[in-house]
Amino acid sequence: MNKFPDLPIYTGFNTPSRMEVDIYDVEVDGDIPADINGAFYRVGPDPQYPPLLGHDIYFNGDGMVSMFRFQNGRVDYKSRYVRTDKFELERKAQRALFGAYRNPFFDDPSVQGQIRGTANTNIVFHAGKLLALKEDSPPIVMDPFTLESQGYYDYEGKMTSETFTAHPKLDPQTGEMIAFGYASKGIDTDDITYYVISPKGEIVHEVWFKMPYAAMQHDFGVTRDYVIFPVVPIVSSLERAREGKPTFGWDGTKDIYLGVIPRRGEARDIRWFKGPNQFASHVMNAFNVGSKIHIDMPVAEGNMFPFFPDIHGAAFDREKADSRVTRWTIDFESGNNTFEHKQLGNMIGDFPRIDDRYAMESYRHGFMCVTDLSKPYDSKRGGSISGMFINCLGHIDFSTGKEKIFFAGPTSTIQESTFIPKSDHAPEGEGYLIALVNRHEEMRSDLVILDAQHIDDGPIATVRLPLRLRQGLHGNWVPDSQLNTAKAAV
């Protein structure tokens, strides 16, 4: 009765683990640097039950949060499911009750109107709270030490949108969290709600406005003075959803838009800048010099996400899906509605990261997951997730243009990296890059620790898990100083 379908997203390395685990003093090859003390949290989809409709996309699994707790050269591992409403209702029923991704029309009648979020996309620490995020629902608070779920959180009733981004931005100078929700009134609505949240975790600014068309607003950019909303045509449709087709799809005929609003602006202040059809999803960083605004993202000529098919029936184009870090530049005070494009790197990939201490500022170092098909690859052992193949990590020095690569090996793939500074006052980029490596041949996972400036030298240390961590989505580092403050507050 409880058998997952024989599909690539549920078999091999992608087989749901359905395990909550505690491992103390995980085996380590090499020496963990003494200045790494804190917790690395990451989250990904891990469905507890087979899909209700017999099929689904990878990104619709229940959120499973992992914590790697580093202290004094040792590391403990803990994983827990996020207890969403969906998770609890299905556990009680002992079967799936919710249907397709972002589509309520095929849910079991018993759960109509319930929050459908899976909390599987990002895990962020702010104002002493650990927040598990999925962009179609409110945040869920988790205990940062035990990973116990503490329920949905609407900021003491001040969050008015139905949704909350999985990519909020933390301001390292002010301590604010800048966030938004899209489809704020429900599926296929064109409403965006923009939030500024204080260092104490209070919503202090809220703005509602409309997009040029209803689309997936997955990520955004924030500078010292502005907020940028890239609208790319992964469009939504209630009609397609009701027909049982994917709610979201690629429209290669639509232009893209960059909506720009001052950090404390109102809806009347927003300006829309227009560009030709192209694809972008994740933001590396954004900054402004006066009214000139730069937003850096991996950009592709066409759709990067084959699991969101072309709404006009065109086949997925692998070459047009190749994305490279590109800078879009806008002059907010200009009299035109266009923006400039400049490619910054040659590596193909996504999931960009930076030294987060330099978020919203001019910066030098960028990191990303990279697809390098020139490297050896054993197709019988390696693997991809829904067409996304990642076998390297990349480092770009924007001041010199120099690029460096860490190659995981011919039977391995890599998950998103995270940067850890050597100290609060270390120069930009001086620290460590950590990332999970999927060891397909051994059917288990490693957490590698790399010198961020010399990733091509290979790992300084490797945390060797005796189990397999399914491909996750996003994660973040929280230093001991922040965790100790949270513990003292409790």
Protein backbone atom coordinates (compact mmCIF):
# COMPACT_ATOMS: atom_id res chain seq x y z
CA MET A 1 0.00 0.00 0.00
CA ASN A 2 2.85 2.38 0.76
CA LYS A 3 5.02 1.94 -2.35
CA PHE A 4 6.57 4.84 -4.20
CA PRO A 5 6.27 4.80 -8.01
CA ASP A 6 9.17 3.50 -10.07
CA LEU A 7 10.22 6.95 -11.29
CA PRO A 8 13.69 8.57 -11.27
CA ILE A 9 12.73 11.08 -8.56
CA TYR A 10 11.80 8.27 -6.15
CA THR A 11 14.50 5.68 -6.89
CA GLY A 12 18.27 5.27 -6.51
CA PHE A 13 19.89 8.17 -4.69
CA ASN A 14 16.55 9.98 -4.83
CA THR A 15 14.70 7.32 -2.85
CA PRO A 16 12.87 9.05 0.03
CA SER A 17 14.69 8.31 3.28
CA ARG A 18 11.70 8.92 5.60
CA MET A 19 14.14 8.88 8.56
CA GLU A 20 14.74 11.26 11.43
CA VAL A 21 18.26 10.75 12.71
CA ASP A 22 20.67 11.69 15.51
CA ILE A 23 24.37 10.96 15.05
CA TYR A 24 26.85 12.13 17.66
CA ASP A 25 30.49 12.79 16.80
CA VAL A 26 30.28 12.03 13.08
CA GLU A 27 33.37 10.51 11.47
CA VAL A 28 35.69 13.13 9.94
CA ASP A 29 38.57 12.80 7.47
CA GLY A 30 41.10 15.55 8.15
CA ASP A 31 40.79 18.22 10.83
CA ILE A 32 37.83 20.58 11.15
CA PRO A 33 39.27 24.12 11.53
CA ALA A 34 39.05 25.39 15.10
CA ASP A 35 37.29 28.59 13.99
CA ILE A 36 34.23 26.70 12.66
CA ASN A 37 31.75 26.79 15.54
CA GLY A 38 28.05 27.01 14.88
CA ALA A 39 25.34 25.18 12.97
CA PHE A 40 24.79 24.49 9.28
CA TYR A 41 21.08 24.05 8.57
CA ARG A 42 19.74 22.80 5.25
CA VAL A 43 16.38 21.54 4.03
CA GLY A 44 15.01 19.53 1.16
CA PRO A 45 12.03 17.51 -0.03
CA ASP A 46 11.59 14.03 1.47
CA PRO A 47 8.01 12.79 1.00
CA GLN A 48 6.69 10.62 3.81
CA TYR A 49 4.02 9.03 1.54
CA PRO A 50 3.80 8.19 -2.18
CA PRO A 51 2.14 10.92 -4.27
CA LEU A 52 -1.65 10.96 -4.23
CA LEU A 53 -1.91 11.14 -8.02
CA GLY A 54 0.81 8.56 -8.71
CA HIS A 55 3.31 11.16 -9.91
CA ASP A 56 4.61 14.60 -8.94
CA ILE A 57 7.66 16.84 -9.27
CA TYR A 58 10.68 16.45 -7.00
CA PHE A 59 10.07 19.77 -5.25
CA ASN A 60 6.75 18.73 -3.70
CA GLY A 61 8.11 16.50 -0.91
CA ASP A 62 7.76 17.12 2.82
CA GLY A 63 10.46 19.33 4.30
CA MET A 64 13.30 17.49 6.04
CA VAL A 65 15.69 19.76 7.94
CA SER A 66 19.27 18.69 8.69
CA MET A 67 21.54 20.33 11.24
CA PHE A 68 25.31 19.90 11.38
CA ARG A 69 26.38 21.24 14.78
CA PHE A 70 30.09 22.16 14.87
CA GLN A 71 31.86 22.64 18.20
CA ASN A 72 35.55 22.35 19.07
CA GLY A 73 36.58 20.38 16.00
CA ARG A 74 33.69 17.91 16.25
CA VAL A 75 30.33 17.70 14.53
CA ASP A 76 26.97 16.18 15.48
CA TYR A 77 24.18 15.53 12.98
CA LYS A 78 20.42 15.78 13.50
CA SER A 79 17.48 15.61 11.06
CA ARG A 80 13.77 16.18 11.61
CA TYR A 81 10.68 16.52 9.46
CA VAL A 82 8.98 19.92 9.58
CA ARG A 83 5.57 19.30 11.14
CA THR A 84 3.46 21.26 8.66
CA ASP A 85 -0.32 20.99 8.63
CA LYS A 86 0.06 18.83 5.51
CA PHE A 87 2.53 16.51 7.24
CA GLU A 88 0.35 16.04 10.34
CA LEU A 89 -2.87 15.47 8.39
CA GLU A 90 -1.24 12.88 6.15
CA ARG A 91 0.49 11.11 9.03
CA LYS A 92 -2.86 10.79 10.80
CA ALA A 93 -4.48 9.43 7.62
CA GLN A 94 -1.41 7.23 6.85
CA ARG A 95 -1.49 8.27 3.20
CA ALA A 96 -1.09 11.28 0.92
CA LEU A 97 -4.03 13.68 0.92
CA PHE A 98 -2.66 16.59 -1.10
CA GLY A 99 -2.32 16.37 -4.87
CA ALA A 100 -0.06 18.10 -7.36
CA TYR A 101 2.51 20.84 -6.74
CA ARG A 102 0.80 24.21 -6.12
CA ASN A 103 -2.54 22.78 -7.32
CA PRO A 104 -5.38 22.32 -4.78
CA PHE A 105 -7.94 21.08 -7.30
CA PHE A 106 -7.01 17.40 -6.93
CA ASP A 107 -6.60 17.26 -3.15
CA ASP A 108 -8.62 14.84 -1.05
CA PRO A 109 -11.91 16.55 -0.06
CA SER A 110 -11.02 16.13 3.62
CA VAL A 111 -8.21 18.72 3.36
CA GLN A 112 -9.84 21.37 1.20
CA GLY A 113 -8.86 24.83 2.46
CA GLN A 114 -5.93 23.60 4.56
CA ILE A 115 -2.45 25.15 4.24
CA ARG A 116 -0.63 23.08 1.60
CA GLY A 117 2.96 24.20 2.37
CA THR A 118 5.77 21.67 2.74
CA ALA A 119 8.42 23.97 4.33
CA ASN A 120 11.04 22.32 2.12
CA THR A 121 12.87 25.16 0.35
CA ASN A 122 14.96 27.20 2.79
CA ILE A 123 15.83 27.40 6.49
CA VAL A 124 16.71 30.86 7.84
CA PHE A 125 17.64 32.16 11.30
CA HIS A 126 16.41 35.66 12.24
CA ALA A 127 15.49 37.44 15.48
CA GLY A 128 16.22 34.28 17.46
CA LYS A 129 13.84 32.15 15.39
CA LEU A 130 14.68 29.34 12.99
CA LEU A 131 12.24 29.60 10.08
CA ALA A 132 11.45 26.74 7.67
CA LEU A 133 10.20 28.27 4.43
CA LYS A 134 8.20 27.42 1.32
CA GLU A 135 6.98 30.26 -0.86
CA ASP A 136 3.32 29.20 -0.97
CA SER A 137 2.70 29.45 2.80
CA PRO A 138 3.69 31.21 6.04
CA PRO A 139 6.97 30.37 7.83
CA ILE A 140 7.13 27.56 10.37
CA VAL A 141 9.20 28.17 13.50
CA MET A 142 11.57 25.40 14.62
CA ASP A 143 13.67 25.10 17.75
CA PRO A 144 17.27 25.81 16.60
CA PHE A 145 18.68 23.15 18.95
CA THR A 146 16.15 20.30 18.87
CA LEU A 147 14.53 21.01 15.47
CA GLU A 148 11.13 20.63 17.12
CA SER A 149 8.42 22.30 15.00
CA GLN A 150 6.52 25.06 16.78
CA GLY A 151 3.84 25.89 14.21
CA TYR A 152 3.11 28.46 11.54
CA TYR A 153 4.07 32.04 12.31
CA ASP A 154 2.31 35.18 11.03
CA TYR A 155 4.33 37.79 12.96
CA GLU A 156 1.74 38.30 15.66
CA GLY A 157 -1.04 38.66 13.10
CA LYS A 158 0.72 41.41 11.12
CA MET A 159 1.51 39.25 8.08
CA THR A 160 -1.45 39.87 5.76
CA SER A 161 -0.43 37.85 2.69
CA GLU A 162 -1.17 34.13 2.35
CA THR A 163 2.42 33.48 1.28
CA PHE A 164 6.00 34.25 2.35
CA THR A 165 9.16 33.99 0.26
CA ALA A 166 11.70 31.19 0.67
CA HIS A 167 14.44 33.74 -0.10
CA PRO A 168 14.31 36.57 2.45
CA LYS A 169 17.41 38.76 2.66
CA LEU A 170 19.20 39.50 5.93
CA ASP A 171 20.83 42.91 6.18
CA PRO A 172 24.21 42.40 7.91
CA GLN A 173 24.37 46.09 8.89
CA THR A 174 20.87 46.83 10.21
CA GLY A 175 19.80 43.31 11.27
CA GLU A 176 16.56 43.71 9.27
CA MET A 177 15.02 40.94 7.24
CA ILE A 178 13.63 42.02 3.88
CA ALA A 179 10.92 39.68 2.59
CA PHE A 180 7.88 39.40 0.38
CA GLY A 181 5.05 37.12 -0.62
CA TYR A 182 3.78 36.56 -4.16
CA ALA A 183 0.42 35.18 -5.24
CA SER A 184 -0.47 36.87 -1.98
CA LYS A 185 -4.21 36.30 -2.42
CA GLY A 186 -3.90 32.73 -3.71
CA ILE A 187 -2.83 30.76 -6.77
CA ASP A 188 -2.62 32.69 -10.06
CA THR A 189 -3.09 36.09 -8.44
CA ASP A 190 -0.72 38.85 -9.48
CA ASP A 191 -0.29 40.40 -6.02
CA ILE A 192 3.06 40.90 -4.27
CA THR A 193 3.38 41.91 -0.62
CA TYR A 194 6.68 43.50 0.39
CA TYR A 195 7.85 43.42 4.04
CA VAL A 196 10.56 44.98 6.17
CA ILE A 197 11.03 43.03 9.42
CA SER A 198 12.98 44.60 12.28
CA PRO A 199 15.93 42.96 14.11
CA LYS A 200 13.42 42.10 16.86
CA GLY A 201 11.24 40.21 14.39
CA GLU A 202 8.47 42.80 13.97
CA ILE A 203 6.91 43.76 10.64
CA VAL A 204 7.56 47.51 10.41
CA HIS A 205 6.78 48.17 6.74
CA GLU A 206 4.32 46.53 4.34
CA VAL A 207 3.48 47.38 0.71
CA TRP A 208 1.06 45.67 -1.69
CA PHE A 209 1.45 45.99 -5.47
CA LYS A 210 0.77 44.02 -8.66
CA MET A 211 3.11 42.24 -11.08
CA PRO A 212 2.92 42.79 -14.85
CA TYR A 213 1.59 39.21 -15.11
CA ALA A 214 1.07 36.33 -12.68
CA ALA A 215 4.33 34.38 -12.42
CA MET A 216 6.65 32.57 -10.03
CA GLN A 217 8.53 35.29 -8.12
CA HIS A 218 11.04 32.90 -6.56
CA ASP A 219 13.84 35.28 -5.53
CA PHE A 220 14.64 39.00 -5.46
CA GLY A 221 17.48 41.44 -4.87
CA VAL A 222 18.04 43.95 -2.07
CA THR A 223 20.53 46.81 -1.93
CA ARG A 224 21.18 49.50 0.69
CA ASP A 225 18.50 51.71 -0.87
CA TYR A 226 16.37 49.60 -3.23
CA VAL A 227 14.55 46.30 -3.69
CA ILE A 228 14.43 44.60 -7.11
CA PHE A 229 11.78 42.06 -8.18
CA PRO A 230 12.78 40.13 -11.36
CA VAL A 231 9.62 38.87 -13.07
CA VAL A 232 10.45 36.09 -15.52
CA PRO A 233 7.78 34.13 -17.41
CA ILE A 234 7.33 31.00 -15.34
CA VAL A 235 3.66 31.90 -15.56
CA SER A 236 0.75 30.45 -13.59
CA SER A 237 -2.69 29.43 -14.85
CA LEU A 238 -5.80 28.29 -12.99
CA GLU A 239 -7.15 26.85 -16.23
CA ARG A 240 -4.13 24.55 -16.63
CA ALA A 241 -4.30 23.63 -12.95
CA ARG A 242 -7.97 22.62 -13.21
CA GLU A 243 -7.11 20.47 -16.25
CA GLY A 244 -4.48 18.61 -14.22
CA LYS A 245 -1.57 20.22 -16.06
CA PRO A 246 1.32 21.87 -14.17
CA THR A 247 0.12 25.11 -12.57
CA PHE A 248 3.34 26.84 -13.68
CA GLY A 249 4.88 26.78 -17.14
CA TRP A 250 7.43 28.58 -19.30
CA ASP A 251 6.20 31.22 -21.77
CA GLY A 252 8.97 31.99 -24.23
CA THR A 253 6.95 34.80 -25.82
CA LYS A 254 6.84 37.17 -22.82
CA ASP A 255 9.27 39.93 -21.93
CA ILE A 256 10.83 40.05 -18.47
CA TYR A 257 10.45 42.92 -16.01
CA LEU A 258 12.47 44.29 -13.12
CA GLY A 259 10.29 46.02 -10.56
CA VAL A 260 12.29 48.46 -8.41
CA ILE A 261 11.07 50.11 -5.22
CA PRO A 262 12.98 52.11 -2.57
CA ARG A 263 13.56 50.11 0.63
CA ARG A 264 10.96 52.17 2.51
CA GLY A 265 8.97 53.12 -0.59
CA GLU A 266 5.25 52.79 -1.28
CA ALA A 267 3.39 51.16 -4.16
CA ARG A 268 3.25 54.48 -6.03
CA ASP A 269 7.08 54.58 -6.04
CA ILE A 270 7.67 51.33 -7.93
CA ARG A 271 9.15 51.50 -11.44
CA TRP A 272 9.11 48.66 -13.98
CA PHE A 273 12.06 48.10 -16.35
CA LYS A 274 11.58 45.83 -19.35
CA GLY A 275 13.90 43.35 -21.11
CA PRO A 276 13.75 40.59 -23.73
CA ASN A 277 12.62 37.07 -22.90
CA GLN A 278 15.19 35.16 -20.81
CA PHE A 279 15.37 33.10 -17.62
CA ALA A 280 16.75 33.80 -14.15
CA SER A 281 15.89 32.29 -10.79
CA HIS A 282 18.39 32.83 -7.95
CA VAL A 283 20.11 36.09 -7.00
CA MET A 284 23.83 36.14 -6.14
CA ASN A 285 23.84 39.71 -4.79
CA ALA A 286 22.61 43.23 -5.50
CA PHE A 287 23.99 46.68 -4.69
CA ASN A 288 23.56 50.28 -5.77
CA VAL A 289 25.79 53.30 -6.32
CA GLY A 290 23.46 56.24 -6.05
CA SER A 291 20.50 55.61 -8.35
CA LYS A 292 22.46 53.03 -10.38
CA ILE A 293 21.40 49.55 -9.28
CA HIS A 294 23.15 46.25 -10.05
CA ILE A 295 21.62 42.80 -9.60
CA ASP A 296 23.74 39.72 -10.31
CA MET A 297 22.07 36.41 -11.24
CA PRO A 298 22.76 33.29 -13.30
CA VAL A 299 20.85 34.07 -16.51
CA ALA A 300 19.90 31.70 -19.35
CA GLU A 301 18.54 32.31 -22.82
CA GLY A 302 15.64 29.93 -22.22
CA ASN A 303 13.84 27.88 -19.57
CA MET A 304 16.17 26.23 -17.02
CA PHE A 305 13.44 24.18 -15.33
CA PRO A 306 12.21 21.24 -17.46
CA PHE A 307 9.71 20.28 -14.73
CA PHE A 308 7.82 23.48 -15.68
CA PRO A 309 7.08 22.71 -19.35
CA ASP A 310 6.65 25.20 -22.18
CA ILE A 311 2.99 26.29 -22.23
CA HIS A 312 3.09 26.38 -26.05
CA GLY A 313 4.36 22.80 -26.28
CA ALA A 314 7.95 23.53 -27.31
CA ALA A 315 10.52 20.89 -26.34
CA PHE A 316 13.01 21.64 -23.57
CA ASP A 317 16.21 23.11 -25.05
CA ARG A 318 19.25 21.94 -23.05
CA GLU A 319 21.65 24.50 -24.56
CA LYS A 320 19.34 27.46 -23.97
CA ALA A 321 19.07 26.35 -20.32
CA ASP A 322 22.76 27.04 -19.68
CA SER A 323 22.99 29.97 -17.25
CA ARG A 324 25.98 32.20 -16.53
CA VAL A 325 26.38 34.93 -13.93
CA THR A 326 25.09 38.14 -15.48
CA ARG A 327 24.80 41.69 -14.15
CA TRP A 328 21.61 43.62 -14.88
CA THR A 329 22.08 47.36 -14.34
CA ILE A 330 19.22 49.82 -13.85
CA ASP A 331 19.24 53.58 -13.39
CA PHE A 332 16.24 54.27 -11.17
CA GLU A 333 16.36 58.00 -11.96
CA SER A 334 16.66 57.54 -15.73
CA GLY A 335 13.86 58.48 -18.09
CA ASN A 336 13.76 55.09 -19.83
CA ASN A 337 12.42 51.68 -18.83
CA THR A 338 15.27 49.45 -20.06
CA PHE A 339 18.29 47.93 -18.34
CA GLU A 340 21.82 46.86 -19.30
CA HIS A 341 23.14 43.28 -19.49
CA LYS A 342 26.74 42.20 -18.86
CA GLN A 343 27.99 38.61 -18.49
CA LEU A 344 30.40 38.34 -15.53
CA GLY A 345 31.56 34.72 -15.74
CA ASN A 346 31.89 31.73 -18.04
CA MET A 347 30.89 28.91 -15.69
CA ILE A 348 27.49 27.32 -16.24
CA GLY A 349 25.41 26.80 -13.13
CA ASP A 350 23.05 28.11 -10.47
CA PHE A 351 22.56 28.26 -6.67
CA PRO A 352 24.86 31.29 -6.27
CA ARG A 353 26.25 32.28 -2.86
CA ILE A 354 28.47 35.03 -1.43
CA ASP A 355 30.17 36.01 1.79
CA ASP A 356 26.90 37.13 3.40
CA ARG A 357 28.66 39.88 5.37
CA TYR A 358 28.83 41.69 2.00
CA ALA A 359 25.18 41.28 1.06
CA MET A 360 23.69 44.47 -0.41
CA GLU A 361 27.20 45.89 -0.99
CA SER A 362 29.74 46.00 -3.80
CA TYR A 363 31.56 42.67 -3.50
CA ARG A 364 34.41 40.66 -4.96
CA HIS A 365 33.81 36.93 -4.41
CA GLY A 366 30.98 34.76 -5.72
CA PHE A 367 30.39 31.02 -5.44
CA MET A 368 27.97 28.73 -7.26
CA CYS A 369 27.06 25.19 -8.20
CA VAL A 370 28.50 24.37 -11.61
CA THR A 371 27.70 21.99 -14.44
CA ASP A 372 30.94 21.02 -16.21
CA LEU A 373 30.28 18.39 -18.87
CA SER A 374 33.98 18.28 -19.80
CA LYS A 375 34.68 16.39 -16.57
CA PRO A 376 34.56 12.57 -16.53
CA TYR A 377 31.16 11.20 -15.63
CA ASP A 378 29.99 7.63 -14.96
CA SER A 379 26.34 7.77 -16.01
CA LYS A 380 25.66 4.43 -14.30
CA ARG A 381 26.63 5.86 -10.92
CA GLY A 382 26.11 9.61 -11.15
CA GLY A 383 22.73 11.34 -11.17
CA SER A 384 20.69 14.48 -11.67
CA ILE A 385 17.60 15.98 -10.12
CA SER A 386 14.83 16.73 -12.61
CA GLY A 387 17.36 17.47 -15.35
CA MET A 388 19.68 19.61 -13.19
CA PHE A 389 23.17 18.06 -13.14
CA ILE A 390 25.74 19.60 -10.76
CA ASN A 391 29.23 18.08 -10.50
CA CYS A 392 31.38 21.06 -9.43
CA LEU A 393 31.54 24.11 -7.21
CA GLY A 394 32.86 27.34 -8.69
CA HIS A 395 34.52 30.48 -7.32
CA ILE A 396 34.58 33.75 -9.28
CA ASP A 397 36.89 36.60 -8.31
CA PHE A 398 35.08 39.54 -9.91
CA SER A 399 38.07 41.85 -9.45
CA THR A 400 40.35 39.66 -11.61
CA GLY A 401 37.85 37.56 -13.56
CA LYS A 402 39.64 34.42 -12.40
CA GLU A 403 37.53 31.29 -11.91
CA LYS A 404 38.34 28.19 -9.84
CA ILE A 405 36.62 24.79 -9.75
CA PHE A 406 36.19 22.00 -7.22
CA PHE A 407 35.26 18.75 -9.00
CA ALA A 408 33.36 16.20 -6.92
CA GLY A 409 34.40 13.16 -8.98
CA PRO A 410 32.92 11.03 -11.77
CA THR A 411 30.35 9.30 -9.56
CA SER A 412 29.29 12.26 -7.42
CA THR A 413 27.06 15.31 -7.60
CA ILE A 414 26.91 18.37 -5.35
CA GLN A 415 24.30 20.31 -3.43
CA GLU A 416 24.22 24.06 -2.73
CA SER A 417 27.25 25.50 -0.92
CA THR A 418 27.36 27.91 2.03
CA PHE A 419 30.12 30.32 3.05
CA ILE A 420 31.53 30.49 6.61
CA PRO A 421 33.82 33.47 7.44
CA LYS A 422 36.96 32.75 9.46
CA SER A 423 35.92 35.49 11.86
CA ASP A 424 33.55 38.44 12.02
CA HIS A 425 36.37 40.76 10.96
CA ALA A 426 38.11 38.59 8.35
CA PRO A 427 38.48 40.15 4.86
CA GLU A 428 35.77 39.34 2.32
CA GLY A 429 35.92 35.75 1.10
CA GLU A 430 38.44 34.64 3.76
CA GLY A 431 36.83 31.53 5.18
CA TYR A 432 35.34 28.22 4.18
CA LEU A 433 32.90 26.85 1.65
CA ILE A 434 30.88 23.85 2.81
CA ALA A 435 28.66 21.65 0.65
CA LEU A 436 27.04 18.24 0.66
CA VAL A 437 28.39 15.81 -1.92
CA ASN A 438 26.18 12.96 -3.13
CA ARG A 439 28.36 9.85 -3.34
CA HIS A 440 26.24 7.82 -5.77
CA GLU A 441 28.53 4.79 -5.88
CA GLU A 442 28.48 4.41 -2.08
CA MET A 443 24.84 5.60 -1.69
CA ARG A 444 25.77 8.02 1.09
CA SER A 445 26.74 11.68 1.63
CA ASP A 446 29.79 13.71 2.58
CA LEU A 447 29.91 17.27 3.86
CA VAL A 448 33.10 18.77 2.44
CA ILE A 449 34.89 21.79 3.96
CA LEU A 450 36.93 23.80 1.44
CA ASP A 451 39.18 26.84 1.71
CA ALA A 452 36.93 29.35 -0.05
CA GLN A 453 39.89 31.01 -1.80
CA HIS A 454 41.39 27.69 -2.92
CA ILE A 455 38.50 25.35 -3.62
CA ASP A 456 40.52 23.73 -6.40
CA ASP A 457 42.86 22.30 -3.73
CA GLY A 458 40.09 19.99 -2.51
CA PRO A 459 38.66 19.47 0.98
CA ILE A 460 40.41 20.55 4.17
CA ALA A 461 38.14 18.10 5.98
CA THR A 462 35.28 15.79 5.07
CA VAL A 463 32.39 14.89 7.37
CA ARG A 464 31.51 11.33 6.37
CA LEU A 465 27.87 10.51 6.95
CA PRO A 466 26.94 6.82 7.08
CA LEU A 467 23.68 7.62 5.30
CA ARG A 468 22.34 9.24 2.15
CA LEU A 469 20.93 12.78 2.21
CA ARG A 470 18.51 13.27 -0.65
CA GLN A 471 19.17 16.33 -2.82
CA GLY A 472 18.22 19.41 -0.82
CA LEU A 473 17.47 22.94 -1.86
CA HIS A 474 18.88 25.71 0.34
CA GLY A 475 20.66 26.14 3.67
CA ASN A 476 22.48 28.64 5.86
CA TRP A 477 25.23 28.94 8.46
CA VAL A 478 24.46 30.29 11.95
CA PRO A 479 27.52 31.07 14.14
CA ASP A 480 27.74 30.18 17.82
CA SER A 481 27.42 33.85 18.78
CA GLN A 482 23.88 33.98 17.39
CA LEU A 483 22.89 30.60 18.77
CA ASN A 484 24.15 31.52 22.24
CA THR A 485 22.12 34.73 22.14
CA ALA A 486 19.02 32.75 21.22
CA LYS A 487 19.66 30.26 24.03
CA ALA A 488 20.13 33.07 26.57
CA ALA A 489 16.84 34.67 25.46
CA VAL A 490 15.01 31.39 26.03
